[in-house]
């Protein structure tokens, strides 16, 4: 689910001059809303039909700019099996842990 959301966000960024949505998970609504291209005025289809859930049926967490790891890509995490967000730590599953160990 995290990887799929990362790919959707990359597509969103391509359509928006390389910019990811800024803020927390509330800005992810932008991915499921149709938009209007400011240059052509044509309707742009939503990037996603619905927001993805993690393996435990809980919405993913999102943050950009990323305060979790010093890279210019969004932080995305799941609250993990206990279904409580530890802000990306504890049993949470995130998209930056592998970057730390690589």
PDB file of N, CA and C in Angstrom:
ATOM      1  N   UNK A   1       0.824  -1.198   0.000  1.00  0.00           N
ATOM      2  CA  UNK A   1       0.000   0.000   0.000  1.00  0.00           C
ATOM      3  C   UNK A   1       0.864   1.256   0.000  1.00  0.00           C
ATOM      4  N   UNK A   2       1.947   1.229   0.774  1.00  0.00           N
ATOM      5  CA  UNK A   2       2.837   2.394   0.831  1.00  0.00           C
ATOM      6  C   UNK A   2       3.464   2.641  -0.539  1.00  0.00           C
ATOM      7  N   UNK A   3       3.928   1.583  -1.178  1.00  0.00           N
ATOM      8  CA  UNK A   3       4.544   1.727  -2.498  1.00  0.00           C
ATOM      9  C   UNK A   3       3.524   2.259  -3.512  1.00  0.00           C
ATOM     10  N   UNK A   4       2.316   1.745  -3.479  1.00  0.00           N
ATOM     11  CA  UNK A   4       1.281   2.208  -4.395  1.00  0.00           C
ATOM     12  C   UNK A   4       0.973   3.688  -4.203  1.00  0.00           C
ATOM     13  N   UNK A   5       0.921   4.126  -2.944  1.00  0.00           N
ATOM     14  CA  UNK A   5       0.682   5.538  -2.669  1.00  0.00           C
ATOM     15  C   UNK A   5       1.863   6.386  -3.140  1.00  0.00           C
ATOM     16  N   UNK A   6       3.085   5.882  -2.957  1.00  0.00           N
ATOM     17  CA  UNK A   6       4.263   6.605  -3.463  1.00  0.00           C
ATOM     18  C   UNK A   6       4.163   6.805  -4.972  1.00  0.00           C
ATOM     19  N   UNK A   7       3.747   5.772  -5.697  1.00  0.00           N
ATOM     20  CA  UNK A   7       3.642   5.867  -7.150  1.00  0.00           C
ATOM     21  C   UNK A   7       2.558   6.868  -7.554  1.00  0.00           C
ATOM     22  N   UNK A   8       1.433   6.859  -6.855  1.00  0.00           N
ATOM     23  CA  UNK A   8       0.363   7.820  -7.138  1.00  0.00           C
ATOM     24  C   UNK A   8       0.842   9.247  -6.872  1.00  0.00           C
ATOM     25  N   UNK A   9       1.609   9.429  -5.818  1.00  0.00           N
ATOM     26  CA  UNK A   9       2.131  10.759  -5.498  1.00  0.00           C
ATOM     27  C   UNK A   9       3.133  11.233  -6.548  1.00  0.00           C
ATOM     28  N   UNK A  10       3.920  10.317  -7.085  1.00  0.00           N
ATOM     29  CA  UNK A  10       4.852  10.692  -8.163  1.00  0.00           C
ATOM     30  C   UNK A  10       4.076  11.151  -9.387  1.00  0.00           C
ATOM     31  N   UNK A  11       3.000  10.447  -9.716  1.00  0.00           N
ATOM     32  CA  UNK A  11       2.174  10.843 -10.849  1.00  0.00           C
ATOM     33  C   UNK A  11       1.549  12.214 -10.594  1.00  0.00           C
ATOM     34  N   UNK A  12       1.061  12.425  -9.387  1.00  0.00           N
ATOM     35  CA  UNK A  12       0.504  13.728  -9.014  1.00  0.00           C
ATOM     36  C   UNK A  12       1.563  14.820  -9.201  1.00  0.00           C
ATOM     37  N   UNK A  13       2.772  14.560  -8.743  1.00  0.00           N
ATOM     38  CA  UNK A  13       3.850  15.546  -8.854  1.00  0.00           C
ATOM     39  C   UNK A  13       4.160  15.858 -10.317  1.00  0.00           C
ATOM     40  N   UNK A  14       4.172  14.849 -11.167  1.00  0.00           N
ATOM     41  CA  UNK A  14       4.420  15.079 -12.593  1.00  0.00           C
ATOM     42  C   UNK A  14       3.365  16.019 -13.164  1.00  0.00           C
ATOM     43  N   UNK A  15       2.117  15.837 -12.738  1.00  0.00           N
ATOM     44  CA  UNK A  15       1.025  16.670 -13.235  1.00  0.00           C
ATOM     45  C   UNK A  15       0.994  18.056 -12.591  1.00  0.00           C
ATOM     46  N   UNK A  16       1.830  18.283 -11.550  1.00  0.00           N
ATOM     47  CA  UNK A  16       1.800  19.542 -10.805  1.00  0.00           C
ATOM     48  C   UNK A  16       3.186  20.160 -10.675  1.00  0.00           C
ATOM     49  N   UNK A  17       3.869  20.262 -11.795  1.00  0.00           N
ATOM     50  CA  UNK A  17       5.185  20.906 -11.875  1.00  0.00           C
ATOM     51  C   UNK A  17       6.184  20.339 -10.851  1.00  0.00           C
ATOM     52  N   UNK A  18       6.126  19.041 -10.599  1.00  0.00           N
ATOM     53  CA  UNK A  18       7.075  18.378  -9.717  1.00  0.00           C
ATOM     54  C   UNK A  18       6.796  18.548  -8.242  1.00  0.00           C
ATOM     55  N   UNK A  19       5.635  19.100  -7.882  1.00  0.00           N
ATOM     56  CA  UNK A  19       5.309  19.372  -6.477  1.00  0.00           C
ATOM     57  C   UNK A  19       4.397  18.300  -5.889  1.00  0.00           C
ATOM     58  N   UNK A  20       4.792  17.774  -4.731  1.00  0.00           N
ATOM     59  CA  UNK A  20       3.928  16.879  -3.960  1.00  0.00           C
ATOM     60  C   UNK A  20       2.934  17.718  -3.163  1.00  0.00           C
ATOM     61  N   UNK A  21       1.782  17.143  -2.796  1.00  0.00           N
ATOM     62  CA  UNK A  21       0.876  17.882  -1.907  1.00  0.00           C
ATOM     63  C   UNK A  21       1.577  18.163  -0.577  1.00  0.00           C
ATOM     64  N   UNK A  22       1.454  19.378  -0.072  1.00  0.00           N
ATOM     65  CA  UNK A  22       2.131  19.749   1.173  1.00  0.00           C
ATOM     66  C   UNK A  22       1.164  19.691   2.340  1.00  0.00           C
ATOM     67  N   UNK A  23       1.595  19.014   3.408  1.00  0.00           N
ATOM     68  CA  UNK A  23       0.789  18.896   4.617  1.00  0.00           C
ATOM     69  C   UNK A  23       0.782  17.476   5.132  1.00  0.00           C
ATOM     70  N   UNK A  24      -0.277  17.142   5.849  1.00  0.00           N
ATOM     71  CA  UNK A  24      -0.458  15.802   6.405  1.00  0.00           C
ATOM     72  C   UNK A  24      -1.423  14.995   5.554  1.00  0.00           C
ATOM     73  N   UNK A  25      -1.920  13.873   6.130  1.00  0.00           N
ATOM     74  CA  UNK A  25      -2.750  12.987   5.324  1.00  0.00           C
ATOM     75  C   UNK A  25      -4.023  13.650   4.811  1.00  0.00           C
ATOM     76  N   UNK A  26      -4.437  14.774   5.410  1.00  0.00           N
ATOM     77  CA  UNK A  26      -5.631  15.464   4.908  1.00  0.00           C
ATOM     78  C   UNK A  26      -5.453  15.939   3.464  1.00  0.00           C
ATOM     79  N   UNK A  27      -4.230  16.204   3.032  1.00  0.00           N
ATOM     80  CA  UNK A  27      -4.010  16.676   1.661  1.00  0.00           C
ATOM     81  C   UNK A  27      -4.106  15.539   0.651  1.00  0.00           C
ATOM     82  N   UNK A  28      -4.130  14.302   1.108  1.00  0.00           N
ATOM     83  CA  UNK A  28      -4.246  13.174   0.184  1.00  0.00           C
ATOM     84  C   UNK A  28      -5.581  13.177  -0.542  1.00  0.00           C
ATOM     85  N   UNK A  29      -6.569  13.894  -0.006  1.00  0.00           N
ATOM     86  CA  UNK A  29      -7.857  14.023  -0.687  1.00  0.00           C
ATOM     87  C   UNK A  29      -7.658  14.563  -2.107  1.00  0.00           C
ATOM     88  N   UNK A  30      -6.594  15.332  -2.319  1.00  0.00           N
ATOM     89  CA  UNK A  30      -6.313  15.877  -3.647  1.00  0.00           C
ATOM     90  C   UNK A  30      -6.117  14.781  -4.685  1.00  0.00           C
ATOM     91  N   UNK A  31      -5.686  13.602  -4.235  1.00  0.00           N
ATOM     92  CA  UNK A  31      -5.429  12.500  -5.162  1.00  0.00           C
ATOM     93  C   UNK A  31      -6.710  11.866  -5.688  1.00  0.00           C
ATOM     94  N   UNK A  32      -7.823  12.047  -4.970  1.00  0.00           N
ATOM     95  CA  UNK A  32      -9.073  11.411  -5.387  1.00  0.00           C
ATOM     96  C   UNK A  32     -10.079  12.424  -5.943  1.00  0.00           C
ATOM     97  N   UNK A  33      -9.642  13.685  -6.111  1.00  0.00           N
ATOM     98  CA  UNK A  33     -10.504  14.738  -6.649  1.00  0.00           C
ATOM     99  C   UNK A  33     -10.106  15.056  -8.087  1.00  0.00           C
ATOM    100  N   UNK A  34     -11.084  15.221  -8.984  1.00  0.00           N
ATOM    101  CA  UNK A  34     -10.730  15.701 -10.325  1.00  0.00           C
ATOM    102  C   UNK A  34     -10.219  17.142 -10.229  1.00  0.00           C
ATOM    103  N   UNK A  35      -9.333  17.500 -11.146  1.00  0.00           N
ATOM    104  CA  UNK A  35      -8.766  18.844 -11.147  1.00  0.00           C
ATOM    105  C   UNK A  35      -8.873  19.424 -12.549  1.00  0.00           C
ATOM    106  N   UNK A  36      -8.645  20.708 -12.652  1.00  0.00           N
ATOM    107  CA  UNK A  36      -8.635  21.386 -13.949  1.00  0.00           C
ATOM    108  C   UNK A  36      -7.212  21.827 -14.249  1.00  0.00           C
ATOM    109  N   UNK A  37      -6.729  21.490 -15.429  1.00  0.00           N
ATOM    110  CA  UNK A  37      -5.403  21.912 -15.862  1.00  0.00           C
ATOM    111  C   UNK A  37      -5.426  23.423 -16.051  1.00  0.00           C
ATOM    112  N   UNK A  38      -4.581  24.162 -15.316  1.00  0.00           N
ATOM    113  CA  UNK A  38      -4.619  25.623 -15.414  1.00  0.00           C
ATOM    114  C   UNK A  38      -4.201  26.154 -16.788  1.00  0.00           C
ATOM    115  N   UNK A  39      -3.430  25.397 -17.543  1.00  0.00           N
ATOM    116  CA  UNK A  39      -2.961  25.873 -18.844  1.00  0.00           C
ATOM    117  C   UNK A  39      -3.977  25.604 -19.952  1.00  0.00           C
ATOM    118  N   UNK A  40      -4.608  24.427 -19.904  1.00  0.00           N
ATOM    119  CA  UNK A  40      -5.519  24.061 -20.994  1.00  0.00           C
ATOM    120  C   UNK A  40      -6.989  24.175 -20.604  1.00  0.00           C
ATOM    121  N   UNK A  41      -7.274  24.200 -19.297  1.00  0.00           N
ATOM    122  CA  UNK A  41      -8.653  24.247 -18.837  1.00  0.00           C
ATOM    123  C   UNK A  41      -9.364  22.905 -18.897  1.00  0.00           C
ATOM    124  N   UNK A  42      -8.651  21.861 -19.316  1.00  0.00           N
ATOM    125  CA  UNK A  42      -9.295  20.552 -19.418  1.00  0.00           C
ATOM    126  C   UNK A  42      -9.323  19.853 -18.063  1.00  0.00           C
ATOM    127  N   UNK A  43     -10.301  18.993 -17.912  1.00  0.00           N
ATOM    128  CA  UNK A  43     -10.472  18.228 -16.672  1.00  0.00           C
ATOM    129  C   UNK A  43      -9.386  17.152 -16.584  1.00  0.00           C
ATOM    130  N   UNK A  44      -8.769  17.030 -15.411  1.00  0.00           N
ATOM    131  CA  UNK A  44      -7.767  15.984 -15.156  1.00  0.00           C
ATOM    132  C   UNK A  44      -8.419  14.974 -14.215  1.00  0.00           C
ATOM    133  N   UNK A  45      -8.383  13.728 -14.608  1.00  0.00           N
ATOM    134  CA  UNK A  45      -8.965  12.663 -13.795  1.00  0.00           C
ATOM    135  C   UNK A  45      -8.207  12.529 -12.474  1.00  0.00           C
ATOM    136  N   UNK A  46      -8.871  12.056 -11.428  1.00  0.00           N
ATOM    137  CA  UNK A  46      -8.172  11.813 -10.161  1.00  0.00           C
ATOM    138  C   UNK A  46      -7.049  10.789 -10.343  1.00  0.00           C
ATOM    139  N   UNK A  47      -6.016  10.912  -9.539  1.00  0.00           N
ATOM    140  CA  UNK A  47      -4.890   9.981  -9.595  1.00  0.00           C
ATOM    141  C   UNK A  47      -5.300   8.626  -9.031  1.00  0.00           C
ATOM    142  N   UNK A  48      -6.158   8.630  -8.008  1.00  0.00           N
ATOM    143  CA  UNK A  48      -6.645   7.404  -7.376  1.00  0.00           C
ATOM    144  C   UNK A  48      -8.170   7.414  -7.307  1.00  0.00           C
ATOM    145  N   UNK A  49      -8.777   6.223  -7.336  1.00  0.00           N
ATOM    146  CA  UNK A  49     -10.223   6.111  -7.143  1.00  0.00           C
ATOM    147  C   UNK A  49     -10.600   6.301  -5.677  1.00  0.00           C
ATOM    148  N   UNK A  50      -9.750   5.793  -4.795  1.00  0.00           N
ATOM    149  CA  UNK A  50      -9.970   5.925  -3.353  1.00  0.00           C
ATOM    150  C   UNK A  50      -8.616   5.907  -2.666  1.00  0.00           C
ATOM    151  N   UNK A  51      -8.586   6.394  -1.436  1.00  0.00           N
ATOM    152  CA  UNK A  51      -7.325   6.403  -0.690  1.00  0.00           C
ATOM    153  C   UNK A  51      -7.013   4.994  -0.200  1.00  0.00           C
ATOM    154  N   UNK A  52      -5.752   4.574  -0.326  1.00  0.00           N
ATOM    155  CA  UNK A  52      -5.391   3.220   0.075  1.00  0.00           C
ATOM    156  C   UNK A  52      -5.404   3.042   1.591  1.00  0.00           C
ATOM    157  N   UNK A  53      -5.692   1.814   2.000  1.00  0.00           N
ATOM    158  CA  UNK A  53      -5.629   1.425   3.405  1.00  0.00           C
ATOM    159  C   UNK A  53      -4.455   0.490   3.577  1.00  0.00           C
ATOM    160  N   UNK A  54      -3.941   0.405   4.806  1.00  0.00           N
ATOM    161  CA  UNK A  54      -2.852  -0.532   5.062  1.00  0.00           C
ATOM    162  C   UNK A  54      -3.410  -1.956   5.204  1.00  0.00           C
ATOM    163  N   UNK A  55      -2.555  -2.896   5.498  1.00  0.00           N
ATOM    164  CA  UNK A  55      -2.953  -4.298   5.603  1.00  0.00           C
ATOM    165  C   UNK A  55      -3.943  -4.547   6.739  1.00  0.00           C
ATOM    166  N   UNK A  56      -4.064  -3.605   7.664  1.00  0.00           N
ATOM    167  CA  UNK A  56      -4.963  -3.744   8.802  1.00  0.00           C
ATOM    168  C   UNK A  56      -6.230  -2.915   8.628  1.00  0.00           C
ATOM    169  N   UNK A  57      -6.436  -2.378   7.403  1.00  0.00           N
ATOM    170  CA  UNK A  57      -7.643  -1.634   7.093  1.00  0.00           C
ATOM    171  C   UNK A  57      -7.677  -0.208   7.603  1.00  0.00           C
ATOM    172  N   UNK A  58      -6.512   0.345   7.916  1.00  0.00           N
ATOM    173  CA  UNK A  58      -6.410   1.698   8.472  1.00  0.00           C
ATOM    174  C   UNK A  58      -5.788   2.615   7.414  1.00  0.00           C
ATOM    175  N   UNK A  59      -6.261   3.863   7.300  1.00  0.00           N
ATOM    176  CA  UNK A  59      -5.657   4.786   6.330  1.00  0.00           C
ATOM    177  C   UNK A  59      -4.160   5.010   6.616  1.00  0.00           C
ATOM    178  N   UNK A  60      -3.414   5.235   5.544  1.00  0.00           N
ATOM    179  CA  UNK A  60      -1.991   5.521   5.675  1.00  0.00           C
ATOM    180  C   UNK A  60      -1.787   6.956   6.156  1.00  0.00           C
ATOM    181  N   UNK A  61      -0.654   7.199   6.780  1.00  0.00           N
ATOM    182  CA  UNK A  61      -0.255   8.532   7.223  1.00  0.00           C
ATOM    183  C   UNK A  61       0.704   9.112   6.188  1.00  0.00           C
ATOM    184  N   UNK A  62       0.677  10.436   6.080  1.00  0.00           N
ATOM    185  CA  UNK A  62       1.453  11.127   5.060  1.00  0.00           C
ATOM    186  C   UNK A  62       1.983  12.427   5.636  1.00  0.00           C
ATOM    187  N   UNK A  63       3.196  12.786   5.211  1.00  0.00           N
ATOM    188  CA  UNK A  63       3.769  14.068   5.610  1.00  0.00           C
ATOM    189  C   UNK A  63       4.728  14.555   4.525  1.00  0.00           C
ATOM    190  N   UNK A  64       4.507  15.796   4.096  1.00  0.00           N
ATOM    191  CA  UNK A  64       5.437  16.452   3.185  1.00  0.00           C
ATOM    192  C   UNK A  64       5.344  17.950   3.409  1.00  0.00           C
ATOM    193  N   UNK A  65       6.444  18.633   3.630  1.00  0.00           N
ATOM    194  CA  UNK A  65       7.815  18.138   3.629  1.00  0.00           C
ATOM    195  C   UNK A  65       8.058  17.086   4.723  1.00  0.00           C
ATOM    196  N   UNK A  66       9.017  16.265   4.452  1.00  0.00           N
ATOM    197  CA  UNK A  66       9.338  15.115   5.277  1.00  0.00           C
ATOM    198  C   UNK A  66      10.231  15.521   6.453  1.00  0.00           C
ATOM    199  N   UNK A  67       9.719  15.358   7.667  1.00  0.00           N
ATOM    200  CA  UNK A  67      10.537  15.641   8.860  1.00  0.00           C
ATOM    201  C   UNK A  67      11.128  14.371   9.465  1.00  0.00           C
ATOM    202  N   UNK A  68      10.815  13.211   8.865  1.00  0.00           N
ATOM    203  CA  UNK A  68      11.255  11.924   9.412  1.00  0.00           C
ATOM    204  C   UNK A  68      12.665  11.537   8.964  1.00  0.00           C
ATOM    205  N   UNK A  69      12.993  11.892   7.736  1.00  0.00           N
ATOM    206  CA  UNK A  69      14.275  11.499   7.156  1.00  0.00           C
ATOM    207  C   UNK A  69      14.667  12.590   6.173  1.00  0.00           C
ATOM    208  N   UNK A  70      15.903  12.930   6.107  1.00  0.00           N
ATOM    209  CA  UNK A  70      16.367  14.066   5.326  1.00  0.00           C
ATOM    210  C   UNK A  70      16.453  13.748   3.828  1.00  0.00           C
ATOM    211  N   UNK A  71      15.279  13.609   3.206  1.00  0.00           N
ATOM    212  CA  UNK A  71      15.206  13.421   1.756  1.00  0.00           C
ATOM    213  C   UNK A  71      14.016  14.218   1.238  1.00  0.00           C
ATOM    214  N   UNK A  72      14.063  14.548  -0.029  1.00  0.00           N
ATOM    215  CA  UNK A  72      12.977  15.315  -0.635  1.00  0.00           C
ATOM    216  C   UNK A  72      11.958  14.365  -1.256  1.00  0.00           C
ATOM    217  N   UNK A  73      11.328  13.595  -0.399  1.00  0.00           N
ATOM    218  CA  UNK A  73      10.224  12.736  -0.817  1.00  0.00           C
ATOM    219  C   UNK A  73       9.296  12.609   0.381  1.00  0.00           C
ATOM    220  N   UNK A  74       8.010  12.388   0.138  1.00  0.00           N
ATOM    221  CA  UNK A  74       7.063  12.317   1.251  1.00  0.00           C
ATOM    222  C   UNK A  74       7.351  11.164   2.206  1.00  0.00           C
ATOM    223  N   UNK A  75       7.042  11.382   3.478  1.00  0.00           N
ATOM    224  CA  UNK A  75       7.051  10.319   4.482  1.00  0.00           C
ATOM    225  C   UNK A  75       5.665   9.678   4.467  1.00  0.00           C
ATOM    226  N   UNK A  76       5.628   8.362   4.346  1.00  0.00           N
ATOM    227  CA  UNK A  76       4.366   7.615   4.351  1.00  0.00           C
ATOM    228  C   UNK A  76       4.529   6.472   5.334  1.00  0.00           C
ATOM    229  N   UNK A  77       3.531   6.270   6.200  1.00  0.00           N
ATOM    230  CA  UNK A  77       3.618   5.161   7.133  1.00  0.00           C
ATOM    231  C   UNK A  77       2.250   4.607   7.483  1.00  0.00           C
ATOM    232  N   UNK A  78       2.282   3.352   7.901  1.00  0.00           N
ATOM    233  CA  UNK A  78       1.112   2.627   8.378  1.00  0.00           C
ATOM    234  C   UNK A  78       1.233   2.531   9.891  1.00  0.00           C
ATOM    235  N   UNK A  79       0.103   2.505  10.572  1.00  0.00           N
ATOM    236  CA  UNK A  79       0.142   2.395  12.034  1.00  0.00           C
ATOM    237  C   UNK A  79       0.497   0.984  12.500  1.00  0.00           C
ATOM    238  N   UNK A  80       0.626   0.044  11.583  1.00  0.00           N
ATOM    239  CA  UNK A  80       1.071  -1.297  11.941  1.00  0.00           C
ATOM    240  C   UNK A  80      -0.016  -2.130  12.593  1.00  0.00           C
ATOM    241  N   UNK A  81       0.356  -3.313  13.061  1.00  0.00           N
ATOM    242  CA  UNK A  81      -0.646  -4.253  13.579  1.00  0.00           C
ATOM    243  C   UNK A  81      -1.406  -3.766  14.814  1.00  0.00           C
ATOM    244  N   UNK A  82      -0.825  -2.852  15.591  1.00  0.00           N
ATOM    245  CA  UNK A  82      -1.571  -2.369  16.765  1.00  0.00           C
ATOM    246  C   UNK A  82      -2.554  -1.251  16.413  1.00  0.00           C
ATOM    247  N   UNK A  83      -2.544  -0.820  15.130  1.00  0.00           N
ATOM    248  CA  UNK A  83      -3.460   0.196  14.608  1.00  0.00           C
ATOM    249  C   UNK A  83      -3.376   1.540  15.331  1.00  0.00           C
ATOM    250  N   UNK A  84      -2.206   1.820  15.941  1.00  0.00           N
ATOM    251  CA  UNK A  84      -1.965   3.094  16.612  1.00  0.00           C
ATOM    252  C   UNK A  84      -0.689   3.695  16.028  1.00  0.00           C
ATOM    253  N   UNK A  85      -0.789   4.912  15.556  1.00  0.00           N
ATOM    254  CA  UNK A  85       0.388   5.540  14.957  1.00  0.00           C
ATOM    255  C   UNK A  85       1.411   5.891  16.031  1.00  0.00           C
ATOM    256  N   UNK A  86       2.636   5.457  15.791  1.00  0.00           N
ATOM    257  CA  UNK A  86       3.777   5.842  16.620  1.00  0.00           C
ATOM    258  C   UNK A  86       4.632   6.844  15.843  1.00  0.00           C
ATOM    259  N   UNK A  87       3.980   7.607  14.967  1.00  0.00           N
ATOM    260  CA  UNK A  87       4.645   8.604  14.136  1.00  0.00           C
ATOM    261  C   UNK A  87       5.750   7.984  13.279  1.00  0.00           C
ATOM    262  N   UNK A  88       5.514   6.753  12.848  1.00  0.00           N
ATOM    263  CA  UNK A  88       6.465   6.060  11.983  1.00  0.00           C
ATOM    264  C   UNK A  88       7.451   5.173  12.713  1.00  0.00           C
ATOM    265  N   UNK A  89       7.411   5.133  14.042  1.00  0.00           N
ATOM    266  CA  UNK A  89       8.336   4.303  14.841  1.00  0.00           C
ATOM    267  C   UNK A  89       7.571   3.092  15.394  1.00  0.00           C
ATOM    268  N   UNK A  90       8.172   2.416  16.352  1.00  0.00           N
ATOM    269  CA  UNK A  90       7.523   1.263  16.979  1.00  0.00           C
ATOM    270  C   UNK A  90       7.188   0.190  15.970  1.00  0.00           C
ATOM    271  N   UNK A  91       5.937  -0.300  15.997  1.00  0.00           N
ATOM    272  CA  UNK A  91       5.542  -1.339  15.045  1.00  0.00           C
ATOM    273  C   UNK A  91       5.004  -0.752  13.740  1.00  0.00           C
ATOM    274  N   UNK A  92       5.081   0.579  13.588  1.00  0.00           N
ATOM    275  CA  UNK A  92       4.640   1.207  12.345  1.00  0.00           C
ATOM    276  C   UNK A  92       5.521   0.736  11.190  1.00  0.00           C
ATOM    277  N   UNK A  93       4.916   0.683  10.011  1.00  0.00           N
ATOM    278  CA  UNK A  93       5.634   0.338   8.786  1.00  0.00           C
ATOM    279  C   UNK A  93       5.779   1.635   8.001  1.00  0.00           C
ATOM    280  N   UNK A  94       7.003   1.950   7.547  1.00  0.00           N
ATOM    281  CA  UNK A  94       7.209   3.237   6.884  1.00  0.00           C
ATOM    282  C   UNK A  94       8.039   3.099   5.614  1.00  0.00           C
ATOM    283  N   UNK A  95       8.170   4.194   4.898  1.00  0.00           N
ATOM    284  CA  UNK A  95       8.936   4.172   3.643  1.00  0.00           C
ATOM    285  C   UNK A  95      10.335   4.756   3.777  1.00  0.00           C
ATOM    286  N   UNK A  96      10.837   4.927   5.014  1.00  0.00           N
ATOM    287  CA  UNK A  96      12.195   5.467   5.155  1.00  0.00           C
ATOM    288  C   UNK A  96      13.126   4.534   5.920  1.00  0.00           C
ATOM    289  N   UNK A  97      12.627   3.501   6.592  1.00  0.00           N
ATOM    290  CA  UNK A  97      13.491   2.601   7.360  1.00  0.00           C
ATOM    291  C   UNK A  97      14.540   1.952   6.469  1.00  0.00           C
ATOM    292  N   UNK A  98      14.138   1.481   5.288  1.00  0.00           N
ATOM    293  CA  UNK A  98      15.106   0.837   4.381  1.00  0.00           C
ATOM    294  C   UNK A  98      16.160   1.829   3.910  1.00  0.00           C
ATOM    295  N   UNK A  99      15.827   3.109   3.849  1.00  0.00           N
ATOM    296  CA  UNK A  99      16.821   4.115   3.461  1.00  0.00           C
ATOM    297  C   UNK A  99      17.897   4.271   4.521  1.00  0.00           C
ATOM    298  N   UNK A 100      17.508   4.100   5.780  1.00  0.00           N
ATOM    299  CA  UNK A 100      18.444   4.220   6.889  1.00  0.00           C
ATOM    300  C   UNK A 100      19.427   3.063   6.886  1.00  0.00           C
ATOM    301  N   UNK A 101      18.945   1.845   6.546  1.00  0.00           N
ATOM    302  CA  UNK A 101      19.794   0.657   6.623  1.00  0.00           C
ATOM    303  C   UNK A 101      20.514   0.370   5.314  1.00  0.00           C
ATOM    304  N   UNK A 102      20.191   1.113   4.253  1.00  0.00           N
ATOM    305  CA  UNK A 102      20.846   0.861   2.950  1.00  0.00           C
ATOM    306  C   UNK A 102      22.214   1.486   2.891  1.00  0.00           C
TER     307      UNK A 102
END
